[in-house]
C-alpha atoms as a PDB file:
ATOM      1  CA  UNK A   1      -0.255  -0.273   0.018  1.00  0.00           C
ATOM      2  CA  UNK A   2       1.298   3.426  -0.818  1.00  0.00           C
ATOM      3  CA  UNK A   3       2.283   5.739   2.011  1.00  0.00           C
ATOM      4  CA  UNK A   4       0.450   8.906   2.067  1.00  0.00           C
ATOM      5  CA  UNK A   5       0.371  12.795   3.966  1.00  0.00           C
ATOM      6  CA  UNK A   6      -3.154  13.564   4.871  1.00  0.00           C
ATOM      7  CA  UNK A   7      -4.986  15.989   6.669  1.00  0.00           C
ATOM      8  CA  UNK A   8      -8.206  14.958   8.786  1.00  0.00           C
ATOM      9  CA  UNK A   9     -11.176  17.574   8.777  1.00  0.00           C
ATOM     10  CA  UNK A  10     -13.036  17.780  11.730  1.00  0.00           C
ATOM     11  CA  UNK A  11     -15.645  19.771  12.722  1.00  0.00           C
ATOM     12  CA  UNK A  12     -15.618  22.180  16.136  1.00  0.00           C
ATOM     13  CA  UNK A  13     -19.073  20.596  17.198  1.00  0.00           C
ATOM     14  CA  UNK A  14     -17.614  16.738  16.516  1.00  0.00           C
ATOM     15  CA  UNK A  15     -14.684  17.361  19.572  1.00  0.00           C
ATOM     16  CA  UNK A  16     -16.017  16.746  22.932  1.00  0.00           C
ATOM     17  CA  UNK A  17     -14.183  18.354  26.131  1.00  0.00           C
ATOM     18  CA  UNK A  18     -14.729  16.432  29.145  1.00  0.00           C
ATOM     19  CA  UNK A  19     -12.846  14.853  31.862  1.00  0.00           C
ATOM     20  CA  UNK A  20     -12.936  11.176  30.340  1.00  0.00           C
ATOM     21  CA  UNK A  21     -11.916  12.343  27.262  1.00  0.00           C
ATOM     22  CA  UNK A  22      -9.403   9.479  25.464  1.00  0.00           C
ATOM     23  CA  UNK A  23      -7.260  12.266  23.972  1.00  0.00           C
ATOM     24  CA  UNK A  24      -4.773  14.818  26.283  1.00  0.00           C
ATOM     25  CA  UNK A  25      -4.626  18.282  25.443  1.00  0.00           C
ATOM     26  CA  UNK A  26      -3.446  21.452  26.496  1.00  0.00           C
ATOM     27  CA  UNK A  27      -6.140  24.541  26.464  1.00  0.00           C
ATOM     28  CA  UNK A  28      -4.571  27.402  24.030  1.00  0.00           C
ATOM     29  CA  UNK A  29      -7.340  29.605  24.473  1.00  0.00           C
ATOM     30  CA  UNK A  30     -11.362  29.961  25.823  1.00  0.00           C
ATOM     31  CA  UNK A  31     -13.649  32.409  24.051  1.00  0.00           C
ATOM     32  CA  UNK A  32     -17.194  32.719  25.696  1.00  0.00           C
ATOM     33  CA  UNK A  33     -19.540  34.290  23.733  1.00  0.00           C
ATOM     34  CA  UNK A  34     -23.037  34.094  25.091  1.00  0.00           C
ATOM     35  CA  UNK A  35     -24.349  29.859  25.232  1.00  0.00           C
ATOM     36  CA  UNK A  36     -21.252  28.450  23.589  1.00  0.00           C
ATOM     37  CA  UNK A  37     -17.519  28.970  23.835  1.00  0.00           C
ATOM     38  CA  UNK A  38     -14.935  28.450  21.450  1.00  0.00           C
ATOM     39  CA  UNK A  39     -12.122  26.248  22.869  1.00  0.00           C
ATOM     40  CA  UNK A  40      -8.691  25.847  21.069  1.00  0.00           C
ATOM     41  CA  UNK A  41      -6.850  22.960  22.534  1.00  0.00           C
ATOM     42  CA  UNK A  42      -3.434  22.136  21.297  1.00  0.00           C
ATOM     43  CA  UNK A  43      -2.111  18.512  21.192  1.00  0.00           C
ATOM     44  CA  UNK A  44       1.612  18.605  20.122  1.00  0.00           C
ATOM     45  CA  UNK A  45       1.934  20.924  17.401  1.00  0.00           C
ATOM     46  CA  UNK A  46      -1.449  20.706  16.327  1.00  0.00           C
ATOM     47  CA  UNK A  47      -4.523  22.890  17.728  1.00  0.00           C
ATOM     48  CA  UNK A  48      -8.117  21.821  17.158  1.00  0.00           C
ATOM     49  CA  UNK A  49     -11.398  24.124  17.526  1.00  0.00           C
ATOM     50  CA  UNK A  50     -13.925  22.807  19.502  1.00  0.00           C
ATOM     51  CA  UNK A  51     -17.325  24.350  20.902  1.00  0.00           C
ATOM     52  CA  UNK A  52     -18.748  23.765  24.400  1.00  0.00           C
ATOM     53  CA  UNK A  53     -22.304  24.641  25.119  1.00  0.00           C
ATOM     54  CA  UNK A  54     -22.058  27.110  27.795  1.00  0.00           C
ATOM     55  CA  UNK A  55     -20.036  29.866  29.064  1.00  0.00           C
ATOM     56  CA  UNK A  56     -17.184  27.569  30.291  1.00  0.00           C
ATOM     57  CA  UNK A  57     -13.222  29.185  31.199  1.00  0.00           C
ATOM     58  CA  UNK A  58      -9.556  27.286  30.481  1.00  0.00           C
ATOM     59  CA  UNK A  59      -6.683  28.715  31.527  1.00  0.00           C
ATOM     60  CA  UNK A  60      -3.952  28.714  28.937  1.00  0.00           C
ATOM     61  CA  UNK A  61      -1.955  25.688  29.119  1.00  0.00           C
ATOM     62  CA  UNK A  62      -4.623  23.973  31.500  1.00  0.00           C
ATOM     63  CA  UNK A  63      -4.543  20.192  30.954  1.00  0.00           C
ATOM     64  CA  UNK A  64      -7.896  18.880  29.263  1.00  0.00           C
ATOM     65  CA  UNK A  65      -9.317  15.533  27.032  1.00  0.00           C
ATOM     66  CA  UNK A  66     -11.507  15.401  24.804  1.00  0.00           C
ATOM     67  CA  UNK A  67     -13.118  12.697  22.423  1.00  0.00           C
ATOM     68  CA  UNK A  68     -13.365  13.043  18.570  1.00  0.00           C
ATOM     69  CA  UNK A  69     -17.571  12.248  18.141  1.00  0.00           C
ATOM     70  CA  UNK A  70     -19.778  12.236  14.288  1.00  0.00           C
ATOM     71  CA  UNK A  71     -20.483  11.308  11.581  1.00  0.00           C
ATOM     72  CA  UNK A  72     -18.990  14.142   9.226  1.00  0.00           C
ATOM     73  CA  UNK A  73     -15.178  13.398   9.275  1.00  0.00           C
ATOM     74  CA  UNK A  74     -13.186  14.242   6.206  1.00  0.00           C
ATOM     75  CA  UNK A  75     -10.106  13.138   4.795  1.00  0.00           C
ATOM     76  CA  UNK A  76      -8.160  14.803   2.179  1.00  0.00           C
ATOM     77  CA  UNK A  77      -5.116  14.432   0.468  1.00  0.00           C
ATOM     78  CA  UNK A  78      -2.303  16.635   2.270  1.00  0.00           C
ATOM     79  CA  UNK A  79      -1.446  19.892  -0.487  1.00  0.00           C
ATOM     80  CA  UNK A  80      -5.003  18.861  -2.479  1.00  0.00           C
ATOM     81  CA  UNK A  81      -8.373  20.270  -2.469  1.00  0.00           C
ATOM     82  CA  UNK A  82      -9.752  16.176  -3.100  1.00  0.00           C
ATOM     83  CA  UNK A  83     -11.424  14.623  -0.789  1.00  0.00           C
ATOM     84  CA  UNK A  84     -10.584  11.188  -0.121  1.00  0.00           C
ATOM     85  CA  UNK A  85     -13.251  10.027   2.483  1.00  0.00           C
ATOM     86  CA  UNK A  86     -15.714  10.618   4.590  1.00  0.00           C
ATOM     87  CA  UNK A  87     -17.774   9.159   7.342  1.00  0.00           C
ATOM     88  CA  UNK A  88     -18.113   7.771  10.854  1.00  0.00           C
ATOM     89  CA  UNK A  89     -15.447   7.973  13.667  1.00  0.00           C
ATOM     90  CA  UNK A  90     -15.680   7.574  17.154  1.00  0.00           C
ATOM     91  CA  UNK A  91     -12.220   7.438  19.281  1.00  0.00           C
ATOM     92  CA  UNK A  92     -13.248   7.472  23.307  1.00  0.00           C
END
């Protein structure tokens, strides 16, 4: 099988921050905006965005955990715009 780089597209609402999350990260930023908070989570050198219901505040570099869930996870070829695959994933 040919090895190639890919880009995984995950919508912010599919990143579920919780104490029981399977993936470890650090809070990069949190922006409460009315009924939801946009949280940026840092995993190694990657920044992911999550939408959290309610006004939640995280300190910068605070350890957090999350799961990735959803039916609209997209996989793209790196350096391209063509979609390779789309479907369900659950990492928890």
